Amino acid sequence: VEFLGSDWKEKLHEVISPEQLFEHWGGTRSAPTPFGHIRMGGKVPKELRYNPDNNPEEPMPKQLTAVSVSARNFQKVLVKVDRAGSCLKWFFRVSSGDIIFSIDHSSGKVIRPVFRLSTEFVPEWGEVTCELPGEYTLTFDNSHGKLWSKEIKYRVQVIAPNMN
């Protein structure tokens, strides 16, 4: 590893021809932008940021249940579904970091496989149609955490099917 100073462009030219480098890196290769086709990131425009006012699934704060999941642990939320065809809906956000989330039926059937999710910028929400009545388990798993607990605010709803 070599830490470069203000002469980094010259050092780069020692190993890469200027014709191969875009302008930003001291080269002569032309492109529509100084960075070429390399995405440099930057500030996310406000219109692309998550806005809870634009999400019909965003619950009011008083509708959320708070739970703390300590490091190397998990928390299960049990939900009873009385009728097949019901809609199981969830919404949650983690105060910081990520959480492993899954949904299983009491028969052992995996409803939503294990996924590690970060809700730092956008909350997680979704729904499934329950093919079977019975008990569904939503698992918030922080077993990967070494020191820090995770604060989760969530809402779970069961909506019975229309019987028209």
N, C-alpha and C. Protein backbone atom coordinates (compact mmCIF):
# COMPACT_ATOMS: atom_id res chain seq x y z
N VAL A 1 0.85 -1.17 0.00
CA VAL A 1 0.00 0.00 0.00
C VAL A 1 0.89 1.23 0.00
N GLU A 2 0.55 2.15 -0.86
CA GLU A 2 1.32 3.39 -0.94
C GLU A 2 0.35 4.56 -0.80
N PHE A 3 0.64 5.44 0.13
CA PHE A 3 -0.17 6.63 0.31
C PHE A 3 0.44 7.75 -0.52
N LEU A 4 -0.38 8.33 -1.38
CA LEU A 4 0.12 9.33 -2.32
C LEU A 4 -0.21 10.73 -1.84
N GLY A 5 0.63 11.66 -2.24
CA GLY A 5 0.42 13.07 -1.92
C GLY A 5 -0.24 13.78 -3.08
N SER A 6 0.03 15.06 -3.17
CA SER A 6 -0.60 15.89 -4.21
C SER A 6 -0.11 15.54 -5.62
N ASP A 7 0.94 14.74 -5.69
CA ASP A 7 1.46 14.34 -7.01
C ASP A 7 0.86 13.01 -7.48
N TRP A 8 -0.33 12.66 -7.00
CA TRP A 8 -0.93 11.36 -7.29
C TRP A 8 -1.19 11.15 -8.78
N LYS A 9 -1.50 12.23 -9.52
CA LYS A 9 -1.76 12.06 -10.95
C LYS A 9 -0.49 11.64 -11.69
N GLU A 10 0.64 12.22 -11.33
CA GLU A 10 1.90 11.85 -11.96
C GLU A 10 2.25 10.39 -11.65
N LYS A 11 2.01 9.99 -10.41
CA LYS A 11 2.27 8.59 -10.02
C LYS A 11 1.37 7.65 -10.82
N LEU A 12 0.13 8.06 -11.05
CA LEU A 12 -0.80 7.25 -11.83
C LEU A 12 -0.30 7.09 -13.27
N HIS A 13 0.26 8.18 -13.81
CA HIS A 13 0.79 8.14 -15.19
C HIS A 13 1.98 7.19 -15.33
N GLU A 14 2.66 6.90 -14.22
CA GLU A 14 3.78 5.96 -14.28
C GLU A 14 3.32 4.54 -14.58
N VAL A 15 2.07 4.23 -14.24
CA VAL A 15 1.58 2.87 -14.44
C VAL A 15 0.43 2.77 -15.44
N ILE A 16 -0.20 3.91 -15.76
CA ILE A 16 -1.31 3.91 -16.72
C ILE A 16 -1.09 5.05 -17.70
N SER A 17 -1.23 4.75 -18.95
CA SER A 17 -1.06 5.75 -20.01
C SER A 17 -2.14 6.82 -19.89
N PRO A 18 -1.80 8.12 -20.05
CA PRO A 18 -2.79 9.20 -19.97
C PRO A 18 -3.94 9.03 -20.96
N GLU A 19 -3.69 8.35 -22.08
CA GLU A 19 -4.75 8.12 -23.06
C GLU A 19 -5.83 7.18 -22.52
N GLN A 20 -5.49 6.40 -21.50
CA GLN A 20 -6.44 5.46 -20.91
C GLN A 20 -7.20 6.06 -19.72
N LEU A 21 -6.76 7.20 -19.24
CA LEU A 21 -7.37 7.83 -18.06
C LEU A 21 -8.30 8.97 -18.46
N PHE A 22 -9.43 9.05 -17.77
CA PHE A 22 -10.34 10.18 -17.98
C PHE A 22 -9.73 11.45 -17.39
N GLU A 23 -10.25 12.59 -17.79
CA GLU A 23 -9.70 13.90 -17.42
C GLU A 23 -9.56 14.10 -15.92
N HIS A 24 -10.55 13.65 -15.17
CA HIS A 24 -10.54 13.84 -13.71
C HIS A 24 -9.28 13.23 -13.08
N TRP A 25 -8.79 12.16 -13.66
CA TRP A 25 -7.62 11.48 -13.11
C TRP A 25 -6.33 11.89 -13.84
N GLY A 26 -6.38 13.02 -14.55
CA GLY A 26 -5.19 13.54 -15.19
C GLY A 26 -4.92 12.99 -16.57
N GLY A 27 -5.89 12.31 -17.13
CA GLY A 27 -5.70 11.73 -18.45
C GLY A 27 -6.24 12.62 -19.56
N THR A 28 -6.14 12.10 -20.76
CA THR A 28 -6.60 12.84 -21.94
C THR A 28 -7.78 12.16 -22.61
N ARG A 29 -8.23 11.05 -22.05
CA ARG A 29 -9.35 10.32 -22.65
C ARG A 29 -10.61 11.16 -22.54
N SER A 30 -11.28 11.34 -23.67
CA SER A 30 -12.48 12.18 -23.67
C SER A 30 -13.72 11.35 -23.36
N ALA A 31 -14.68 12.02 -22.75
CA ALA A 31 -15.96 11.40 -22.38
C ALA A 31 -16.95 12.53 -22.13
N PRO A 32 -18.23 12.21 -22.07
CA PRO A 32 -19.24 13.25 -21.83
C PRO A 32 -19.06 13.97 -20.49
N THR A 33 -18.44 13.31 -19.52
CA THR A 33 -18.18 13.92 -18.22
C THR A 33 -16.70 13.76 -17.90
N PRO A 34 -16.16 14.56 -16.98
CA PRO A 34 -14.75 14.41 -16.61
C PRO A 34 -14.43 13.04 -16.01
N PHE A 35 -15.45 12.34 -15.50
CA PHE A 35 -15.26 11.05 -14.84
C PHE A 35 -15.45 9.88 -15.81
N GLY A 36 -15.81 10.18 -17.05
CA GLY A 36 -16.07 9.10 -17.99
C GLY A 36 -17.37 8.41 -17.65
N HIS A 37 -17.35 7.11 -17.71
CA HIS A 37 -18.55 6.32 -17.44
C HIS A 37 -18.59 5.83 -16.00
N ILE A 38 -17.72 6.35 -15.17
CA ILE A 38 -17.65 5.94 -13.78
C ILE A 38 -18.61 6.80 -12.97
N ARG A 39 -19.48 6.14 -12.22
CA ARG A 39 -20.43 6.86 -11.37
C ARG A 39 -19.72 7.30 -10.11
N MET A 40 -19.78 8.59 -9.83
CA MET A 40 -19.06 9.13 -8.68
C MET A 40 -19.95 9.32 -7.46
N GLY A 41 -21.21 9.00 -7.58
CA GLY A 41 -22.09 9.18 -6.44
C GLY A 41 -22.44 10.65 -6.28
N GLY A 42 -22.48 11.10 -5.06
CA GLY A 42 -22.83 12.49 -4.81
C GLY A 42 -24.08 12.57 -3.97
N LYS A 43 -24.61 13.76 -3.86
CA LYS A 43 -25.81 13.99 -3.06
C LYS A 43 -27.04 13.46 -3.79
N VAL A 44 -27.89 12.79 -3.06
CA VAL A 44 -29.14 12.29 -3.63
C VAL A 44 -30.11 13.46 -3.71
N PRO A 45 -30.70 13.69 -4.87
CA PRO A 45 -31.67 14.79 -4.98
C PRO A 45 -32.86 14.56 -4.04
N LYS A 46 -33.41 15.65 -3.51
CA LYS A 46 -34.51 15.54 -2.55
C LYS A 46 -35.70 14.78 -3.10
N GLU A 47 -35.97 14.94 -4.40
CA GLU A 47 -37.14 14.27 -4.97
C GLU A 47 -36.97 12.74 -5.03
N LEU A 48 -35.74 12.25 -4.87
CA LEU A 48 -35.51 10.81 -4.88
C LEU A 48 -35.42 10.22 -3.47
N ARG A 49 -35.40 11.06 -2.46
CA ARG A 49 -35.31 10.57 -1.08
C ARG A 49 -36.67 10.07 -0.62
N TYR A 50 -36.64 9.14 0.35
CA TYR A 50 -37.88 8.61 0.90
C TYR A 50 -38.64 9.71 1.62
N ASN A 51 -39.92 9.80 1.32
CA ASN A 51 -40.80 10.77 1.97
C ASN A 51 -42.00 10.01 2.53
N PRO A 52 -42.13 9.92 3.85
CA PRO A 52 -43.23 9.15 4.43
C PRO A 52 -44.60 9.65 4.00
N ASP A 53 -44.70 10.93 3.66
CA ASP A 53 -45.99 11.47 3.22
C ASP A 53 -46.44 10.87 1.89
N ASN A 54 -45.50 10.34 1.12
CA ASN A 54 -45.83 9.74 -0.18
C ASN A 54 -46.05 8.24 -0.11
N ASN A 55 -45.97 7.66 1.09
CA ASN A 55 -46.14 6.22 1.25
C ASN A 55 -47.44 5.93 1.98
N PRO A 56 -48.45 5.38 1.28
CA PRO A 56 -49.72 5.09 1.95
C PRO A 56 -49.59 4.01 3.03
N GLU A 57 -48.51 3.25 3.02
CA GLU A 57 -48.30 2.21 4.03
C GLU A 57 -47.64 2.74 5.30
N GLU A 58 -47.18 3.97 5.29
CA GLU A 58 -46.50 4.56 6.46
C GLU A 58 -47.52 4.77 7.58
N PRO A 59 -47.36 4.05 8.71
CA PRO A 59 -48.30 4.22 9.82
C PRO A 59 -47.99 5.47 10.64
N MET A 60 -48.96 5.88 11.40
CA MET A 60 -48.75 6.96 12.36
C MET A 60 -47.83 6.43 13.47
N PRO A 61 -46.99 7.27 14.06
CA PRO A 61 -46.06 6.79 15.09
C PRO A 61 -46.74 6.04 16.23
N LYS A 62 -47.94 6.44 16.62
CA LYS A 62 -48.62 5.76 17.73
C LYS A 62 -49.12 4.36 17.35
N GLN A 63 -49.11 4.04 16.05
CA GLN A 63 -49.53 2.71 15.60
C GLN A 63 -48.38 1.70 15.62
N LEU A 64 -47.18 2.17 15.92
CA LEU A 64 -46.00 1.30 15.90
C LEU A 64 -45.72 0.73 17.28
N THR A 65 -45.29 -0.51 17.30
CA THR A 65 -44.85 -1.18 18.52
C THR A 65 -43.33 -1.16 18.54
N ALA A 66 -42.75 -0.81 19.67
CA ALA A 66 -41.29 -0.76 19.79
C ALA A 66 -40.79 -2.00 20.50
N VAL A 67 -39.68 -2.53 20.00
CA VAL A 67 -39.04 -3.68 20.63
C VAL A 67 -37.53 -3.51 20.49
N SER A 68 -36.81 -3.98 21.51
CA SER A 68 -35.36 -3.94 21.48
C SER A 68 -34.84 -5.37 21.33
N VAL A 69 -33.98 -5.57 20.34
CA VAL A 69 -33.38 -6.89 20.11
C VAL A 69 -31.90 -6.79 20.46
N SER A 70 -31.52 -7.44 21.54
CA SER A 70 -30.13 -7.33 21.99
C SER A 70 -29.19 -8.06 21.04
N ALA A 71 -27.91 -7.72 21.13
CA ALA A 71 -26.90 -8.36 20.29
C ALA A 71 -26.90 -9.86 20.53
N ARG A 72 -26.65 -10.62 19.47
CA ARG A 72 -26.61 -12.08 19.50
C ARG A 72 -27.94 -12.69 19.94
N ASN A 73 -29.03 -12.01 19.60
CA ASN A 73 -30.34 -12.48 20.01
C ASN A 73 -31.35 -12.23 18.91
N PHE A 74 -32.58 -12.63 19.14
CA PHE A 74 -33.66 -12.40 18.18
C PHE A 74 -34.96 -12.18 18.92
N GLN A 75 -35.92 -11.64 18.22
CA GLN A 75 -37.24 -11.39 18.78
C GLN A 75 -38.27 -11.93 17.80
N LYS A 76 -39.22 -12.71 18.30
CA LYS A 76 -40.27 -13.26 17.45
C LYS A 76 -41.59 -12.55 17.74
N VAL A 77 -42.33 -12.28 16.68
CA VAL A 77 -43.67 -11.71 16.79
C VAL A 77 -44.63 -12.74 16.23
N LEU A 78 -45.53 -13.25 17.08
CA LEU A 78 -46.48 -14.27 16.66
C LEU A 78 -47.78 -13.60 16.24
N VAL A 79 -48.30 -14.04 15.09
CA VAL A 79 -49.52 -13.47 14.54
C VAL A 79 -50.47 -14.61 14.20
N LYS A 80 -51.69 -14.54 14.72
CA LYS A 80 -52.69 -15.57 14.44
C LYS A 80 -53.52 -15.15 13.24
N VAL A 81 -53.63 -16.06 12.27
CA VAL A 81 -54.44 -15.83 11.08
C VAL A 81 -55.56 -16.86 11.10
N ASP A 82 -56.81 -16.38 11.15
CA ASP A 82 -57.95 -17.29 11.29
C ASP A 82 -58.44 -17.87 9.97
N ARG A 83 -58.28 -17.12 8.88
CA ARG A 83 -58.85 -17.58 7.61
C ARG A 83 -57.81 -17.56 6.49
N ALA A 84 -57.83 -18.63 5.70
CA ALA A 84 -56.98 -18.67 4.50
C ALA A 84 -57.41 -17.54 3.58
N GLY A 85 -56.46 -16.97 2.87
CA GLY A 85 -56.75 -15.86 1.98
C GLY A 85 -56.60 -14.50 2.64
N SER A 86 -56.35 -14.50 3.96
CA SER A 86 -56.12 -13.23 4.66
C SER A 86 -54.81 -12.63 4.18
N CYS A 87 -54.71 -11.32 4.33
CA CYS A 87 -53.50 -10.60 3.94
C CYS A 87 -52.71 -10.25 5.20
N LEU A 88 -51.47 -10.69 5.26
CA LEU A 88 -50.57 -10.36 6.36
C LEU A 88 -49.67 -9.24 5.89
N LYS A 89 -49.78 -8.08 6.55
CA LYS A 89 -49.00 -6.90 6.16
C LYS A 89 -48.04 -6.54 7.28
N TRP A 90 -46.85 -6.07 6.90
CA TRP A 90 -45.87 -5.63 7.89
C TRP A 90 -45.21 -4.33 7.45
N PHE A 91 -44.74 -3.61 8.44
CA PHE A 91 -44.00 -2.37 8.23
C PHE A 91 -43.04 -2.26 9.40
N PHE A 92 -41.77 -1.97 9.14
CA PHE A 92 -40.84 -1.76 10.25
C PHE A 92 -39.66 -0.92 9.81
N ARG A 93 -39.01 -0.36 10.82
CA ARG A 93 -37.74 0.34 10.62
C ARG A 93 -36.85 0.06 11.82
N VAL A 94 -35.56 -0.02 11.54
CA VAL A 94 -34.55 -0.25 12.57
C VAL A 94 -33.88 1.08 12.83
N SER A 95 -33.67 1.41 14.11
CA SER A 95 -33.11 2.72 14.46
C SER A 95 -31.73 2.94 13.85
N SER A 96 -30.91 1.89 13.79
CA SER A 96 -29.60 2.01 13.16
C SER A 96 -29.13 0.62 12.76
N GLY A 97 -28.35 0.56 11.72
CA GLY A 97 -27.80 -0.71 11.29
C GLY A 97 -28.82 -1.56 10.54
N ASP A 98 -28.61 -2.86 10.61
CA ASP A 98 -29.45 -3.78 9.86
C ASP A 98 -30.01 -4.85 10.77
N ILE A 99 -30.96 -5.62 10.24
CA ILE A 99 -31.61 -6.70 10.98
C ILE A 99 -31.89 -7.81 9.99
N ILE A 100 -31.90 -9.04 10.47
CA ILE A 100 -32.29 -10.18 9.64
C ILE A 100 -33.78 -10.41 9.88
N PHE A 101 -34.54 -10.51 8.80
CA PHE A 101 -36.00 -10.60 8.89
C PHE A 101 -36.49 -11.81 8.11
N SER A 102 -37.47 -12.52 8.68
CA SER A 102 -38.09 -13.64 7.99
C SER A 102 -39.50 -13.86 8.53
N ILE A 103 -40.29 -14.62 7.76
CA ILE A 103 -41.64 -15.00 8.18
C ILE A 103 -41.81 -16.49 7.92
N ASP A 104 -42.32 -17.20 8.93
CA ASP A 104 -42.56 -18.64 8.83
C ASP A 104 -43.97 -18.96 9.31
N HIS A 105 -44.54 -20.05 8.80
CA HIS A 105 -45.84 -20.55 9.26
C HIS A 105 -45.59 -21.65 10.29
N SER A 106 -46.55 -21.87 11.17
CA SER A 106 -46.39 -22.87 12.23
C SER A 106 -46.20 -24.28 11.67
N SER A 107 -46.58 -24.52 10.42
CA SER A 107 -46.37 -25.83 9.79
C SER A 107 -44.90 -26.05 9.41
N GLY A 108 -44.09 -24.99 9.51
CA GLY A 108 -42.69 -25.06 9.10
C GLY A 108 -42.44 -24.47 7.73
N LYS A 109 -43.50 -24.10 7.04
CA LYS A 109 -43.36 -23.52 5.70
C LYS A 109 -42.75 -22.12 5.80
N VAL A 110 -41.74 -21.87 4.96
CA VAL A 110 -41.11 -20.55 4.90
C VAL A 110 -41.99 -19.65 4.04
N ILE A 111 -42.45 -18.55 4.61
CA ILE A 111 -43.31 -17.61 3.89
C ILE A 111 -42.47 -16.52 3.25
N ARG A 112 -41.54 -16.00 3.99
CA ARG A 112 -40.59 -15.00 3.47
C ARG A 112 -39.21 -15.42 3.95
N PRO A 113 -38.32 -15.75 3.02
CA PRO A 113 -37.01 -16.26 3.45
C PRO A 113 -36.20 -15.22 4.21
N VAL A 114 -35.16 -15.69 4.84
CA VAL A 114 -34.28 -14.85 5.64
C VAL A 114 -33.56 -13.84 4.74
N PHE A 115 -33.67 -12.56 5.10
CA PHE A 115 -32.96 -11.49 4.41
C PHE A 115 -32.38 -10.54 5.44
N ARG A 116 -31.18 -10.08 5.20
CA ARG A 116 -30.56 -9.06 6.05
C ARG A 116 -30.88 -7.71 5.44
N LEU A 117 -31.56 -6.86 6.19
CA LEU A 117 -32.08 -5.60 5.67
C LEU A 117 -31.58 -4.41 6.46
N SER A 118 -31.34 -3.34 5.75
CA SER A 118 -31.02 -2.06 6.38
C SER A 118 -32.16 -1.10 6.10
N THR A 119 -32.67 -0.46 7.13
CA THR A 119 -33.76 0.49 6.95
C THR A 119 -33.32 1.90 7.34
N GLU A 120 -32.04 2.16 7.18
CA GLU A 120 -31.49 3.46 7.58
C GLU A 120 -32.14 4.60 6.80
N PHE A 121 -32.39 4.38 5.52
CA PHE A 121 -32.93 5.45 4.68
C PHE A 121 -34.38 5.21 4.28
N VAL A 122 -34.78 3.95 4.19
CA VAL A 122 -36.14 3.61 3.76
C VAL A 122 -36.63 2.46 4.63
N PRO A 123 -37.84 2.56 5.20
CA PRO A 123 -38.36 1.46 6.01
C PRO A 123 -38.69 0.25 5.14
N GLU A 124 -38.92 -0.86 5.77
CA GLU A 124 -39.29 -2.09 5.07
C GLU A 124 -40.78 -2.33 5.26
N TRP A 125 -41.47 -2.64 4.18
CA TRP A 125 -42.87 -3.01 4.29
C TRP A 125 -43.22 -3.99 3.19
N GLY A 126 -44.27 -4.75 3.43
CA GLY A 126 -44.69 -5.73 2.44
C GLY A 126 -45.93 -6.44 2.91
N GLU A 127 -46.36 -7.40 2.09
CA GLU A 127 -47.55 -8.17 2.43
C GLU A 127 -47.50 -9.51 1.71
N VAL A 128 -48.17 -10.49 2.30
CA VAL A 128 -48.34 -11.79 1.67
C VAL A 128 -49.78 -12.24 1.88
N THR A 129 -50.29 -13.02 0.94
CA THR A 129 -51.59 -13.65 1.11
C THR A 129 -51.35 -14.97 1.81
N CYS A 130 -52.04 -15.17 2.91
CA CYS A 130 -51.84 -16.38 3.73
C CYS A 130 -52.67 -17.52 3.14
N GLU A 131 -51.98 -18.52 2.60
CA GLU A 131 -52.67 -19.68 2.03
C GLU A 131 -53.26 -20.57 3.11
N LEU A 132 -52.65 -20.53 4.30
CA LEU A 132 -53.07 -21.39 5.39
C LEU A 132 -53.47 -20.56 6.60
N PRO A 133 -54.53 -20.97 7.31
CA PRO A 133 -54.76 -20.34 8.61
C PRO A 133 -53.71 -20.88 9.59
N GLY A 134 -53.58 -20.23 10.72
CA GLY A 134 -52.62 -20.70 11.72
C GLY A 134 -51.77 -19.56 12.24
N GLU A 135 -50.67 -19.95 12.84
CA GLU A 135 -49.78 -18.97 13.46
C GLU A 135 -48.60 -18.66 12.54
N TYR A 136 -48.38 -17.38 12.32
CA TYR A 136 -47.25 -16.91 11.53
C TYR A 136 -46.26 -16.24 12.47
N THR A 137 -44.98 -16.49 12.24
CA THR A 137 -43.93 -15.93 13.08
C THR A 137 -43.06 -14.99 12.26
N LEU A 138 -43.04 -13.74 12.67
CA LEU A 138 -42.13 -12.75 12.09
C LEU A 138 -40.92 -12.70 13.01
N THR A 139 -39.74 -12.91 12.46
CA THR A 139 -38.52 -12.96 13.26
C THR A 139 -37.62 -11.78 12.91
N PHE A 140 -37.25 -11.04 13.95
CA PHE A 140 -36.25 -9.97 13.84
C PHE A 140 -34.99 -10.51 14.51
N ASP A 141 -33.96 -10.78 13.73
CA ASP A 141 -32.78 -11.50 14.20
C ASP A 141 -31.56 -10.58 14.21
N ASN A 142 -30.98 -10.41 15.39
CA ASN A 142 -29.77 -9.61 15.55
C ASN A 142 -28.62 -10.49 16.02
N SER A 143 -28.66 -11.78 15.66
CA SER A 143 -27.60 -12.69 16.11
C SER A 143 -26.24 -12.35 15.52
N HIS A 144 -26.22 -11.60 14.43
CA HIS A 144 -24.96 -11.17 13.82
C HIS A 144 -24.33 -9.99 14.58
N GLY A 145 -25.12 -9.32 15.42
CA GLY A 145 -24.63 -8.18 16.18
C GLY A 145 -23.70 -8.63 17.30
N LYS A 146 -22.59 -7.96 17.43
CA LYS A 146 -21.61 -8.33 18.46
C LYS A 146 -21.81 -7.56 19.77
N LEU A 147 -22.17 -6.27 19.67
CA LEU A 147 -22.27 -5.43 20.86
C LEU A 147 -23.59 -4.71 20.99
N TRP A 148 -24.15 -4.25 19.88
CA TRP A 148 -25.24 -3.29 19.93
C TRP A 148 -26.60 -3.94 19.75
N SER A 149 -27.53 -3.49 20.56
CA SER A 149 -28.91 -3.92 20.37
C SER A 149 -29.53 -3.09 19.25
N LYS A 150 -30.64 -3.56 18.73
CA LYS A 150 -31.35 -2.86 17.65
C LYS A 150 -32.73 -2.49 18.16
N GLU A 151 -33.08 -1.24 17.97
CA GLU A 151 -34.42 -0.76 18.32
C GLU A 151 -35.27 -0.84 17.05
N ILE A 152 -36.35 -1.58 17.14
CA ILE A 152 -37.22 -1.78 15.98
C ILE A 152 -38.60 -1.25 16.32
N LYS A 153 -39.16 -0.51 15.40
CA LYS A 153 -40.55 -0.07 15.51
C LYS A 153 -41.30 -0.72 14.36
N TYR A 154 -42.37 -1.44 14.70
CA TYR A 154 -43.05 -2.22 13.67
C TYR A 154 -44.57 -2.15 13.83
N ARG A 155 -45.24 -2.53 12.74
CA ARG A 155 -46.69 -2.73 12.76
C ARG A 155 -46.98 -3.97 11.93
N VAL A 156 -47.85 -4.83 12.44
CA VAL A 156 -48.29 -6.02 11.72
C VAL A 156 -49.81 -5.98 11.69
N GLN A 157 -50.37 -6.27 10.52
CA GLN A 157 -51.82 -6.29 10.36
C GLN A 157 -52.23 -7.58 9.66
N VAL A 158 -53.39 -8.10 10.05
CA VAL A 158 -54.02 -9.20 9.33
C VAL A 158 -55.35 -8.67 8.82
N ILE A 159 -55.52 -8.72 7.51
CA ILE A 159 -56.74 -8.22 6.89
C ILE A 159 -57.48 -9.42 6.30
N ALA A 160 -58.69 -9.66 6.82
CA ALA A 160 -59.49 -10.81 6.38
C ALA A 160 -59.87 -10.65 4.91
N PRO A 161 -60.02 -11.77 4.21
CA PRO A 161 -60.40 -11.68 2.79
C PRO A 161 -61.84 -11.20 2.64
N ASN A 162 -62.12 -10.55 1.52
CA ASN A 162 -63.50 -10.15 1.22
C ASN A 162 -64.29 -11.40 0.88
N MET A 163 -65.45 -11.52 1.44
CA MET A 163 -66.30 -12.69 1.19
C MET A 163 -67.49 -12.28 0.33
N ASN A 164 -67.23 -11.82 -0.88
CA ASN A 164 -68.31 -11.38 -1.79
C ASN A 164 -68.90 -12.54 -2.53
